[in-house]
N, C-alpha and C. Protein backbone atom coordinates (compact mmCIF):
# COMPACT_ATOMS: atom_id res chain seq x y z
N MET A 1 -5.14 23.06 8.98
CA MET A 1 -5.09 21.76 9.09
C MET A 1 -3.36 21.47 9.63
N ALA A 2 -3.35 20.96 10.85
CA ALA A 2 -2.36 20.91 11.39
C ALA A 2 -1.17 20.04 10.84
N ASP A 3 -0.14 20.24 10.62
CA ASP A 3 0.73 19.91 9.88
C ASP A 3 1.49 18.36 10.16
N TYR A 4 1.19 18.23 11.50
CA TYR A 4 1.27 16.85 11.77
C TYR A 4 0.47 16.01 12.78
N LEU A 5 0.84 14.62 12.93
CA LEU A 5 -0.27 13.97 13.68
C LEU A 5 0.03 14.89 15.39
N PRO A 6 -1.11 14.24 16.17
CA PRO A 6 -1.32 14.79 18.01
C PRO A 6 0.13 13.99 18.29
N ASP A 7 0.32 14.32 19.93
CA ASP A 7 1.17 14.15 20.16
C ASP A 7 1.70 12.15 20.22
N ASN A 8 0.74 11.54 19.95
CA ASN A 8 1.32 10.28 20.10
C ASN A 8 1.60 9.72 18.72
N GLU A 9 2.09 10.59 17.62
CA GLU A 9 2.41 9.83 16.39
C GLU A 9 3.21 9.17 16.77
N ARG A 10 4.38 9.33 17.15
CA ARG A 10 5.55 8.32 17.64
C ARG A 10 5.07 7.00 18.29
N GLU A 11 4.39 7.43 19.18
CA GLU A 11 3.59 5.84 19.50
C GLU A 11 2.89 5.16 18.61
N LEU A 12 2.03 5.91 17.59
CA LEU A 12 1.55 5.02 16.56
C LEU A 12 2.52 4.65 15.83
N LEU A 13 3.26 4.92 15.24
CA LEU A 13 4.12 4.62 14.34
C LEU A 13 5.06 3.24 15.19
N LEU A 14 5.53 3.10 16.17
CA LEU A 14 5.71 2.16 17.14
C LEU A 14 4.53 0.82 16.61
N GLN A 15 4.04 1.02 17.21
CA GLN A 15 2.63 0.28 16.74
C GLN A 15 2.41 -0.57 15.40
N ILE A 16 2.68 0.52 14.51
CA ILE A 16 2.62 -0.04 13.12
C ILE A 16 3.93 -0.72 13.10
N ALA A 17 5.39 -0.55 13.60
CA ALA A 17 6.36 -1.63 13.68
C ALA A 17 5.68 -2.64 14.17
N GLU A 18 5.07 -3.01 15.12
CA GLU A 18 4.40 -4.03 15.42
C GLU A 18 3.65 -5.03 14.72
N GLY A 19 2.70 -4.29 13.63
CA GLY A 19 2.03 -4.49 12.84
C GLY A 19 0.40 -4.21 12.96
N ASP A 20 0.15 -3.30 13.94
CA ASP A 20 -0.96 -2.69 14.14
C ASP A 20 -1.52 -2.15 13.26
N ALA A 21 -2.74 -3.02 12.55
CA ALA A 21 -3.34 -2.20 11.25
C ALA A 21 -4.35 -0.77 11.76
N LEU A 22 -4.70 -0.97 13.06
CA LEU A 22 -5.49 -0.01 13.38
C LEU A 22 -4.89 1.71 13.34
N ALA A 23 -3.44 1.34 14.08
CA ALA A 23 -2.64 2.41 14.07
C ALA A 23 -1.92 2.78 12.65
N PHE A 24 -1.93 2.09 11.68
CA PHE A 24 -1.80 2.38 10.20
C PHE A 24 -2.98 3.14 9.18
N GLY A 25 -4.20 2.65 9.97
CA GLY A 25 -5.22 3.20 9.53
C GLY A 25 -5.40 4.98 9.89
N LYS A 26 -5.09 5.42 10.89
CA LYS A 26 -4.89 6.38 11.42
C LYS A 26 -3.91 7.32 11.02
N VAL A 27 -2.82 6.65 10.71
CA VAL A 27 -1.83 7.18 10.01
C VAL A 27 -2.26 7.58 8.98
N PHE A 28 -2.65 6.49 7.83
CA PHE A 28 -3.24 6.56 6.48
C PHE A 28 -3.97 7.96 6.30
N ARG A 29 -5.31 7.72 7.06
CA ARG A 29 -5.94 8.60 7.11
C ARG A 29 -5.99 10.06 7.19
N PHE A 30 -4.91 10.21 8.06
CA PHE A 30 -4.20 11.61 8.35
C PHE A 30 -3.67 12.19 6.93
N TYR A 31 -2.43 11.59 6.65
CA TYR A 31 -1.59 11.99 5.65
C TYR A 31 -2.19 11.65 4.28
N TYR A 32 -3.06 10.85 3.81
CA TYR A 32 -4.06 10.81 2.70
C TYR A 32 -3.90 12.01 2.31
N PRO A 33 -4.97 13.24 2.98
CA PRO A 33 -5.38 14.22 2.03
C PRO A 33 -4.11 14.96 1.69
N ARG A 34 -2.91 14.80 2.31
CA ARG A 34 -1.72 15.78 2.43
C ARG A 34 -0.92 15.44 1.16
N LEU A 35 -0.69 14.30 1.35
CA LEU A 35 -0.07 13.27 0.24
C LEU A 35 -0.66 13.81 -1.20
N PHE A 36 -2.43 13.70 -1.33
CA PHE A 36 -2.82 14.10 -2.61
C PHE A 36 -2.43 15.56 -2.86
N SER A 37 -2.53 16.51 -2.25
CA SER A 37 -2.21 17.64 -2.52
C SER A 37 -0.53 17.84 -3.25
N PHE A 38 0.52 17.38 -2.05
CA PHE A 38 1.76 17.22 -2.56
C PHE A 38 1.89 16.49 -3.94
N VAL A 39 1.60 15.39 -4.09
CA VAL A 39 1.69 14.78 -5.14
C VAL A 39 1.42 15.34 -6.26
N GLY A 40 -0.24 15.99 -6.03
CA GLY A 40 -0.30 16.47 -7.25
C GLY A 40 0.20 17.85 -7.77
N ARG A 41 1.08 18.54 -7.16
CA ARG A 41 2.25 19.25 -7.95
C ARG A 41 3.36 18.73 -8.92
N ILE A 42 3.26 17.24 -8.69
CA ILE A 42 3.99 16.56 -9.56
C ILE A 42 3.31 15.96 -10.76
N ASP A 43 2.38 15.66 -10.30
CA ASP A 43 1.12 15.03 -11.50
C ASP A 43 -0.32 15.11 -10.78
N GLN A 44 -0.60 15.53 -11.79
CA GLN A 44 -2.60 16.41 -12.05
C GLN A 44 -3.27 15.35 -11.85
N SER A 45 -3.01 14.24 -12.53
CA SER A 45 -3.84 13.36 -13.15
C SER A 45 -4.55 12.80 -11.42
N ALA A 46 -5.75 12.88 -11.25
CA ALA A 46 -6.30 12.16 -9.68
C ALA A 46 -6.11 10.47 -9.58
N ALA A 47 -6.41 9.97 -10.71
CA ALA A 47 -6.02 8.57 -10.96
C ALA A 47 -4.58 8.15 -10.63
N ASN A 48 -3.69 8.92 -11.09
CA ASN A 48 -2.51 8.77 -10.83
C ASN A 48 -1.53 9.32 -9.50
N ILE A 49 -2.35 10.27 -8.69
CA ILE A 49 -2.44 10.64 -7.41
C ILE A 49 -2.45 9.72 -6.77
N ASP A 50 -3.86 9.16 -6.71
CA ASP A 50 -4.40 7.94 -5.97
C ASP A 50 -3.41 6.67 -6.00
N GLU A 51 -2.85 6.22 -7.00
CA GLU A 51 -2.19 5.46 -7.50
C GLU A 51 -0.67 5.70 -6.35
N VAL A 52 0.08 6.70 -6.53
CA VAL A 52 1.25 6.88 -6.44
C VAL A 52 1.17 7.04 -4.54
N ILE A 53 -0.18 7.10 -4.15
CA ILE A 53 -0.53 7.21 -2.37
C ILE A 53 -0.31 5.76 -1.91
N GLN A 54 -1.18 5.06 -2.96
CA GLN A 54 -1.58 3.51 -2.34
C GLN A 54 0.03 3.24 -2.59
N GLU A 55 0.47 3.15 -3.49
CA GLU A 55 2.03 2.00 -3.54
C GLU A 55 2.87 2.91 -2.31
N THR A 56 2.74 4.30 -1.84
CA THR A 56 3.59 4.55 -0.84
C THR A 56 3.49 4.16 0.46
N PHE A 57 2.19 3.87 0.70
CA PHE A 57 1.79 3.49 1.93
C PHE A 57 1.92 1.73 2.07
N ILE A 58 2.06 1.11 0.63
CA ILE A 58 2.55 -0.48 0.58
C ILE A 58 3.99 -0.49 1.12
N ARG A 59 4.63 0.80 0.33
CA ARG A 59 5.93 0.60 1.21
C ARG A 59 6.61 1.03 2.44
N VAL A 60 5.41 1.63 2.91
CA VAL A 60 5.67 1.46 4.60
C VAL A 60 5.11 0.56 5.29
N TRP A 61 4.13 0.20 4.68
CA TRP A 61 3.57 -1.27 5.69
C TRP A 61 5.12 -2.23 5.62
N ILE A 62 5.05 -2.40 4.26
CA ILE A 62 6.18 -3.66 3.89
C ILE A 62 7.61 -3.25 4.67
N SER A 63 7.57 -2.01 4.81
CA SER A 63 9.15 -1.77 4.99
C SER A 63 8.81 -1.23 6.83
N ARG A 64 7.83 -1.37 7.28
CA ARG A 64 6.99 -1.09 8.77
C ARG A 64 8.42 -1.27 9.69
N ASP A 65 9.29 -2.44 10.08
CA ASP A 65 9.91 -2.73 10.76
C ASP A 65 11.32 -1.59 10.94
N GLN A 66 11.40 -0.41 9.94
CA GLN A 66 12.45 0.50 10.14
C GLN A 66 11.75 1.83 10.45
N LEU A 67 10.48 1.80 10.80
CA LEU A 67 9.86 2.91 11.66
C LEU A 67 10.35 3.27 13.17
N PRO A 68 10.81 2.64 13.63
CA PRO A 68 11.49 2.77 14.92
C PRO A 68 12.92 3.61 15.13
N GLN A 69 13.44 3.30 13.90
CA GLN A 69 14.56 4.43 13.42
C GLN A 69 14.47 5.72 12.63
N VAL A 70 13.20 6.00 12.27
CA VAL A 70 12.56 6.99 11.32
C VAL A 70 12.84 8.16 12.29
N GLY A 71 13.60 8.92 11.98
CA GLY A 71 13.71 10.87 12.76
C GLY A 71 12.61 11.69 12.61
N ASN A 72 12.41 11.44 11.37
CA ASN A 72 11.32 12.10 10.56
C ASN A 72 10.31 11.40 9.80
N PHE A 73 9.12 11.29 10.51
CA PHE A 73 8.43 10.28 9.48
C PHE A 73 8.03 10.87 8.21
N ARG A 74 7.67 12.27 8.60
CA ARG A 74 6.38 13.21 7.37
C ARG A 74 7.93 13.56 6.22
N ALA A 75 8.83 13.70 6.66
CA ALA A 75 9.84 13.87 5.43
C ALA A 75 10.17 12.36 4.82
N TRP A 76 10.43 11.71 5.64
CA TRP A 76 10.72 10.06 4.93
C TRP A 76 9.48 9.45 4.15
N LEU A 77 8.17 9.88 4.52
CA LEU A 77 6.98 9.40 4.11
C LEU A 77 6.67 10.32 2.59
N PHE A 78 6.96 11.49 2.72
CA PHE A 78 7.29 12.38 1.45
C PHE A 78 8.24 11.99 0.33
N THR A 79 9.08 11.60 1.28
CA THR A 79 10.17 11.18 0.06
C THR A 79 9.91 10.29 -0.61
N ILE A 80 9.35 9.18 0.16
CA ILE A 80 8.72 7.74 -0.62
C ILE A 80 7.99 8.22 -1.83
N ALA A 81 7.11 9.16 -1.74
CA ALA A 81 5.85 9.69 -2.26
C ALA A 81 6.18 10.14 -3.91
N SER A 82 7.09 11.10 -3.61
CA SER A 82 7.58 11.59 -4.43
C SER A 82 8.72 10.89 -5.39
N ARG A 83 9.24 9.87 -5.00
CA ARG A 83 10.33 8.87 -6.03
C ARG A 83 8.88 7.54 -6.32
N GLU A 84 8.01 7.48 -5.99
CA GLU A 84 6.96 6.92 -6.15
C GLU A 84 6.24 7.43 -7.51
N ALA A 85 5.98 9.03 -7.62
CA ALA A 85 5.14 9.97 -8.04
C ALA A 85 6.22 9.82 -9.77
N ILE A 86 7.56 10.09 -9.79
CA ILE A 86 8.27 9.69 -10.53
C ILE A 86 8.45 8.58 -11.38
N ALA A 87 8.70 7.57 -10.79
CA ALA A 87 8.21 6.29 -11.28
C ALA A 87 7.10 5.95 -12.02
N LEU A 88 6.24 6.42 -11.35
CA LEU A 88 5.02 6.64 -12.51
C LEU A 88 4.96 7.29 -13.53
N ILE A 89 5.32 8.36 -13.50
CA ILE A 89 5.56 9.23 -14.72
C ILE A 89 6.22 8.61 -15.60
N ARG A 90 7.47 8.14 -15.40
CA ARG A 90 8.29 7.28 -16.21
C ARG A 90 7.63 6.22 -17.18
N LYS A 91 7.06 5.51 -16.58
CA LYS A 91 6.28 4.16 -16.30
C LYS A 91 5.24 4.48 -17.47
N ASN A 92 4.29 6.04 -17.35
CA ASN A 92 3.25 6.07 -18.55
C ASN A 92 3.70 6.63 -19.69
N LEU A 93 5.42 7.37 -19.67
CA LEU A 93 5.56 7.84 -20.72
C LEU A 93 6.41 6.91 -21.57
N LEU A 94 6.89 5.77 -21.12
CA LEU A 94 7.00 4.49 -21.53
C LEU A 94 5.74 4.01 -22.38
N LYS A 95 4.47 3.95 -21.48
CA LYS A 95 3.71 3.20 -22.43
C LYS A 95 3.13 3.98 -23.50
N GLN A 96 2.88 5.75 -23.07
CA GLN A 96 2.56 6.33 -24.41
C GLN A 96 3.37 6.62 -25.84
N LYS A 97 4.86 6.10 -25.35
CA LYS A 97 5.75 5.63 -26.80
C LYS A 97 5.50 4.49 -27.18
N ALA A 98 4.91 3.45 -26.56
CA ALA A 98 4.31 2.41 -27.13
C ALA A 98 3.01 2.28 -27.88
N GLY A 99 2.53 3.62 -27.64
CA GLY A 99 0.98 3.77 -28.32
C GLY A 99 -0.05 3.32 -27.28
N GLN A 100 0.13 3.35 -25.95
CA GLN A 100 -0.83 2.87 -24.87
C GLN A 100 -1.45 4.18 -24.37
N ALA A 101 -2.69 4.29 -24.56
CA ALA A 101 -3.07 5.73 -24.33
C ALA A 101 -3.76 5.49 -22.90
N PHE A 102 -3.47 6.71 -21.85
CA PHE A 102 -3.36 6.67 -20.83
C PHE A 102 -4.89 7.25 -20.26
N LEU A 103 -5.71 7.28 -19.72
CA LEU A 103 -7.07 7.29 -19.58
C LEU A 103 -6.93 7.68 -17.82
N ALA A 104 -7.26 9.19 -17.27
CA ALA A 104 -7.54 9.22 -16.42
C ALA A 104 -8.55 9.21 -15.31
N ASN A 105 -9.05 8.36 -14.30
CA ASN A 105 -10.22 8.23 -13.81
C ASN A 105 -10.69 9.70 -12.64
N PRO A 106 -11.71 9.74 -12.19
CA PRO A 106 -11.48 10.28 -10.64
C PRO A 106 -10.96 9.64 -9.88
N PRO A 107 -10.85 10.42 -8.70
CA PRO A 107 -10.09 9.82 -7.30
C PRO A 107 -11.08 9.09 -6.19
N ALA A 108 -11.16 7.61 -6.12
CA ALA A 108 -11.58 6.90 -5.51
C ALA A 108 -12.16 7.72 -4.27
N GLY A 109 -11.28 8.24 -3.28
CA GLY A 109 -11.93 9.14 -2.15
C GLY A 109 -11.93 8.26 -0.89
N PRO A 110 -12.19 8.48 -0.15
CA PRO A 110 -12.08 7.77 1.14
C PRO A 110 -13.12 6.61 1.39
N GLU A 111 -12.75 5.64 2.17
CA GLU A 111 -13.49 4.28 2.35
C GLU A 111 -15.12 5.01 2.80
N THR A 112 -16.08 4.49 2.25
CA THR A 112 -17.31 4.68 2.56
C THR A 112 -18.59 3.61 3.52
N PRO A 113 -19.07 3.70 4.32
CA PRO A 113 -19.92 2.68 5.05
C PRO A 113 -19.99 1.54 3.74
N ALA A 114 -20.43 1.88 2.58
CA ALA A 114 -21.00 1.16 1.35
C ALA A 114 -19.41 -0.12 0.96
N ASP A 115 -18.23 0.48 0.97
CA ASP A 115 -17.22 -0.08 0.82
C ASP A 115 -16.85 -1.54 1.36
N ILE A 116 -17.51 -0.90 2.92
CA ILE A 116 -16.98 -1.97 4.10
C ILE A 116 -18.11 -2.94 3.83
N THR A 117 -19.24 -2.89 3.36
CA THR A 117 -20.54 -3.74 3.35
C THR A 117 -19.85 -4.76 1.88
N HIS A 118 -18.98 -4.72 1.05
CA HIS A 118 -18.29 -5.41 0.02
C HIS A 118 -17.16 -6.11 0.60
N ALA A 119 -16.43 -5.85 1.85
CA ALA A 119 -15.73 -6.66 2.36
C ALA A 119 -15.51 -7.97 2.46
N GLY A 120 -16.25 -8.73 2.13
CA GLY A 120 -16.47 -10.22 2.21
C GLY A 120 -16.11 -10.65 0.79
N GLU A 121 -16.96 -10.01 -0.11
CA GLU A 121 -16.79 -10.25 -1.78
C GLU A 121 -15.06 -9.65 -2.17
N ILE A 122 -14.46 -8.79 -1.08
CA ILE A 122 -13.37 -8.40 -1.72
C ILE A 122 -12.56 -9.42 -1.05
N LYS A 123 -12.43 -9.77 0.14
CA LYS A 123 -11.85 -11.06 0.68
C LYS A 123 -11.76 -12.33 -0.14
N ARG A 124 -13.07 -12.48 -0.78
CA ARG A 124 -12.94 -13.77 -1.53
C ARG A 124 -12.03 -13.52 -2.09
N LEU A 125 -12.51 -12.41 -3.35
CA LEU A 125 -11.52 -12.01 -4.42
C LEU A 125 -9.65 -12.20 -3.76
N VAL A 126 -9.46 -11.75 -2.97
CA VAL A 126 -8.60 -11.86 -2.36
C VAL A 126 -7.56 -13.41 -2.34
N GLU A 127 -8.66 -14.17 -1.74
CA GLU A 127 -8.28 -15.36 -1.41
C GLU A 127 -7.95 -16.09 -2.88
N GLU A 128 -8.60 -15.65 -4.04
CA GLU A 128 -8.85 -16.38 -5.22
C GLU A 128 -7.43 -15.91 -5.75
N ALA A 129 -6.75 -14.63 -5.68
CA ALA A 129 -5.67 -13.93 -6.37
C ALA A 129 -4.88 -14.31 -5.45
N VAL A 130 -4.46 -14.43 -4.44
CA VAL A 130 -3.53 -15.74 -3.75
C VAL A 130 -3.49 -16.82 -4.04
N ALA A 131 -4.38 -17.65 -4.27
CA ALA A 131 -4.38 -18.87 -4.90
C ALA A 131 -3.97 -19.28 -5.87
N ARG A 132 -3.74 -18.17 -6.79
CA ARG A 132 -3.08 -18.19 -7.98
C ARG A 132 -1.69 -17.83 -8.26
N MET A 133 -1.00 -17.21 -7.11
CA MET A 133 0.41 -16.76 -7.23
C MET A 133 1.10 -18.18 -7.47
N PRO A 134 2.44 -18.12 -7.72
CA PRO A 134 3.09 -18.98 -7.66
C PRO A 134 3.48 -19.33 -5.97
N ALA A 135 4.22 -20.75 -5.99
CA ALA A 135 3.71 -21.42 -4.66
C ALA A 135 4.86 -20.58 -3.53
N ALA A 136 5.95 -20.07 -3.86
CA ALA A 136 7.17 -19.31 -3.09
C ALA A 136 6.38 -17.70 -2.62
N ARG A 137 5.61 -17.26 -4.07
CA ARG A 137 5.28 -15.88 -3.62
C ARG A 137 4.29 -15.86 -2.49
N ARG A 138 3.23 -17.23 -2.91
CA ARG A 138 2.05 -17.04 -1.90
C ARG A 138 2.66 -17.28 -0.46
N ARG A 139 3.41 -18.35 -0.58
CA ARG A 139 4.04 -18.44 0.90
C ARG A 139 4.71 -17.50 1.92
N ILE A 140 4.94 -16.67 1.19
CA ILE A 140 5.88 -15.35 1.74
C ILE A 140 4.29 -14.75 1.92
N TYR A 141 3.71 -14.34 0.63
CA TYR A 141 2.49 -13.61 1.15
C TYR A 141 1.49 -14.00 2.79
N LEU A 142 1.31 -15.27 2.81
CA LEU A 142 0.69 -15.97 3.78
C LEU A 142 1.30 -15.49 5.14
N MET A 143 2.58 -16.04 4.89
CA MET A 143 3.60 -15.70 6.50
C MET A 143 3.56 -14.20 6.86
N SER A 144 3.63 -13.49 5.80
CA SER A 144 2.90 -11.97 6.54
C SER A 144 1.71 -11.89 6.68
N ARG A 145 1.15 -12.46 6.03
CA ARG A 145 -0.60 -11.86 6.31
C ARG A 145 -1.25 -12.38 7.34
N ALA A 146 -1.06 -14.02 7.27
CA ALA A 146 -1.80 -14.69 8.28
C ALA A 146 -1.35 -14.88 9.38
N GLU A 147 0.05 -14.84 9.25
CA GLU A 147 1.03 -15.59 10.56
C GLU A 147 1.63 -13.95 11.04
N GLY A 148 1.82 -12.72 10.39
CA GLY A 148 1.92 -11.58 10.91
C GLY A 148 3.11 -11.65 11.12
N LEU A 149 4.41 -12.16 10.81
CA LEU A 149 5.14 -12.21 10.63
C LEU A 149 6.36 -10.99 9.41
N LYS A 150 7.20 -10.33 10.24
CA LYS A 150 7.86 -8.89 9.31
C LYS A 150 8.87 -9.84 8.90
N PRO A 151 8.84 -8.90 7.91
CA PRO A 151 10.21 -9.53 6.53
C PRO A 151 11.14 -10.08 6.82
N ALA A 152 11.51 -9.50 7.92
CA ALA A 152 13.34 -9.71 8.85
C ALA A 152 12.95 -11.47 9.21
N GLU A 153 11.77 -11.56 9.52
CA GLU A 153 11.18 -12.99 10.34
C GLU A 153 11.04 -13.99 9.24
N ILE A 154 10.80 -13.59 8.41
CA ILE A 154 10.55 -14.40 6.65
C ILE A 154 11.53 -14.82 6.46
N ALA A 155 12.27 -13.72 5.99
CA ALA A 155 13.81 -14.01 5.62
C ALA A 155 14.99 -14.96 6.04
N SER A 156 14.62 -14.73 7.44
CA SER A 156 15.69 -16.03 8.52
C SER A 156 14.72 -17.20 7.95
N ARG A 157 13.62 -17.62 8.23
CA ARG A 157 13.22 -18.57 8.01
C ARG A 157 13.22 -19.46 6.94
N LEU A 158 13.18 -18.49 5.85
CA LEU A 158 13.40 -19.23 4.67
C LEU A 158 14.94 -18.95 3.87
N ASN A 159 15.95 -18.34 4.73
CA ASN A 159 16.85 -17.88 4.08
C ASN A 159 17.24 -17.41 3.28
N LEU A 160 16.11 -16.56 3.03
CA LEU A 160 16.50 -15.23 1.77
C LEU A 160 16.70 -13.90 2.50
N SER A 161 17.38 -12.90 1.35
CA SER A 161 17.14 -11.75 2.09
C SER A 161 16.41 -11.02 2.16
N VAL A 162 16.17 -9.99 3.09
CA VAL A 162 15.08 -9.08 3.89
C VAL A 162 15.08 -8.36 2.19
N ASN A 163 15.45 -8.04 1.47
CA ASN A 163 14.98 -7.15 0.39
C ASN A 163 14.26 -8.36 -0.63
N THR A 164 14.85 -9.37 -1.00
CA THR A 164 13.70 -10.49 -1.59
C THR A 164 12.71 -10.38 -1.23
N VAL A 165 12.41 -10.90 0.12
CA VAL A 165 11.30 -11.07 0.84
C VAL A 165 9.88 -9.72 0.70
N LYS A 166 10.94 -8.44 0.79
CA LYS A 166 9.86 -7.17 0.67
C LYS A 166 9.59 -7.27 -0.89
N ASN A 167 10.44 -7.28 -1.62
CA ASN A 167 10.24 -7.20 -3.08
C ASN A 167 8.84 -8.18 -3.40
N THR A 168 8.89 -9.55 -2.93
CA THR A 168 7.97 -10.55 -3.40
C THR A 168 6.56 -10.09 -2.56
N LEU A 169 6.80 -9.12 -1.86
CA LEU A 169 5.48 -8.77 -1.23
C LEU A 169 5.26 -7.44 -1.67
N VAL A 170 5.76 -6.79 -2.13
CA VAL A 170 4.83 -5.59 -2.90
C VAL A 170 4.56 -6.36 -4.17
N THR A 171 5.57 -7.64 -4.56
CA THR A 171 5.13 -8.39 -6.14
C THR A 171 3.68 -8.81 -5.88
N ALA A 172 3.37 -9.25 -4.60
CA ALA A 172 2.03 -10.43 -4.51
C ALA A 172 1.01 -8.87 -4.16
N LEU A 173 1.24 -7.79 -3.89
CA LEU A 173 0.17 -6.62 -3.48
C LEU A 173 -0.42 -6.34 -4.82
N HIS A 174 0.95 -6.31 -5.55
CA HIS A 174 0.12 -5.48 -6.77
C HIS A 174 -0.46 -7.03 -7.66
N ASP A 175 0.14 -8.24 -7.76
CA ASP A 175 -1.21 -8.91 -8.25
C ASP A 175 -2.35 -8.98 -7.97
N ILE A 176 -2.90 -8.75 -6.44
CA ILE A 176 -4.25 -8.47 -5.67
C ILE A 176 -4.72 -7.69 -6.04
N ARG A 177 -4.23 -6.57 -6.27
CA ARG A 177 -4.60 -5.28 -6.82
C ARG A 177 -5.48 -5.60 -8.43
N LYS A 178 -4.30 -6.05 -9.07
CA LYS A 178 -4.51 -6.11 -10.29
C LYS A 178 -5.84 -6.94 -10.70
N PHE A 179 -5.98 -8.27 -9.45
CA PHE A 179 -6.93 -9.19 -9.75
C PHE A 179 -8.57 -8.01 -9.12
N LEU A 180 -8.22 -7.35 -8.17
CA LEU A 180 -9.00 -6.95 -8.01
C LEU A 180 -9.81 -5.50 -9.12
N ALA A 181 -8.91 -5.34 -9.38
CA ALA A 181 -9.57 -3.87 -10.42
C ALA A 181 -10.52 -4.90 -12.15
N VAL A 182 -9.83 -5.78 -11.89
CA VAL A 182 -10.48 -6.78 -13.35
C VAL A 182 -12.03 -7.18 -12.75
N HIS A 183 -12.46 -7.14 -11.60
CA HIS A 183 -13.54 -7.61 -11.22
C HIS A 183 -14.33 -6.28 -10.29
N GLY A 184 -13.67 -5.16 -10.90
CA GLY A 184 -14.11 -4.04 -10.58
C GLY A 184 -14.07 -3.29 -9.42
N HIS A 185 -13.06 -3.58 -8.63
CA HIS A 185 -12.75 -3.07 -7.47
C HIS A 185 -11.80 -2.16 -7.46
N THR A 186 -11.73 -0.84 -6.61
CA THR A 186 -10.99 -0.01 -6.77
C THR A 186 -9.62 -0.43 -5.91
N ILE A 187 -8.37 0.38 -6.10
CA ILE A 187 -7.38 0.51 -5.25
C ILE A 187 -7.34 0.18 -3.64
N THR A 188 -8.28 1.54 -3.22
CA THR A 188 -8.81 1.60 -1.72
C THR A 188 -9.27 0.72 -1.41
N SER A 189 -10.36 -0.24 -1.64
CA SER A 189 -10.90 -1.46 -1.38
C SER A 189 -9.82 -2.30 -0.84
N LEU A 190 -8.29 -2.61 -1.72
CA LEU A 190 -7.61 -3.61 -1.00
C LEU A 190 -7.00 -3.19 0.03
N PHE A 191 -7.00 -1.31 0.35
CA PHE A 191 -6.25 -1.29 1.80
C PHE A 191 -7.30 -1.42 2.74
N LEU A 192 -8.80 -1.44 2.43
CA LEU A 192 -9.90 -2.15 3.42
C LEU A 192 -9.70 -3.51 4.00
N LEU A 193 -9.65 -4.03 2.71
CA LEU A 193 -9.40 -5.24 3.59
C LEU A 193 -7.94 -5.86 4.11
N ILE A 194 -6.92 -5.08 3.36
CA ILE A 194 -5.54 -5.23 4.19
C ILE A 194 -5.54 -4.92 5.55
N PHE A 195 -5.72 -3.43 5.46
CA PHE A 195 -5.54 -3.14 6.91
C PHE A 195 -6.58 -2.56 7.98
N PHE A 196 -7.93 -2.91 7.24
CA PHE A 196 -9.18 -2.76 8.07
C PHE A 196 -10.25 -3.37 8.29
N THR A 197 -9.92 -4.78 7.96
CA THR A 197 -10.70 -5.35 8.14
C THR A 197 -10.16 -6.92 8.87
N GLY A 198 -10.94 -7.92 9.58
CA GLY A 198 -10.34 -9.07 10.21
C GLY A 198 -10.55 -9.96 9.09
N GLU A 199 -9.56 -11.10 9.89
CA GLU A 199 -9.91 -12.59 8.89
C GLU A 199 -10.08 -13.62 9.86
């Protein structure tokens, strides 16, 4: 197994910075098994590992405008993953202290043709989740998703800080993930919709 993507990794990262979902998918699929192994050294729960990886790539996508300035993407990505893993451990410890049981689930694994056939249903659920968001959060999400604007562009239009926009987008994605989970869809199904299917 090669440690890095082929020679076009830099080109893929620049494409991601411009909002290219297909390039993002290639990087996601390459690094997913490598991150699974890496995060597994921190937390052995397959469900936790999968959640950490999803959170990591959400951060990458939201911060994609920074990619042209990232000198070592692999190190940057793994640093994000380690921080997310530690944050999740802390969150779960707080849940345990509150008396909430933590149950591990088997890993969802990579997307399958069956997942793709459910894209229409997932899309409908996402639209419903977005409609339930507070107006300001919904507006920022739609500017990012429907209009393809970067956080800096949204911040400029709405006279907000870039960090506020990024945090709002992360919250919006969390809302959608929770809504999908309630309706029996995996976290990776959300990634299928956001990054691999058209609208």
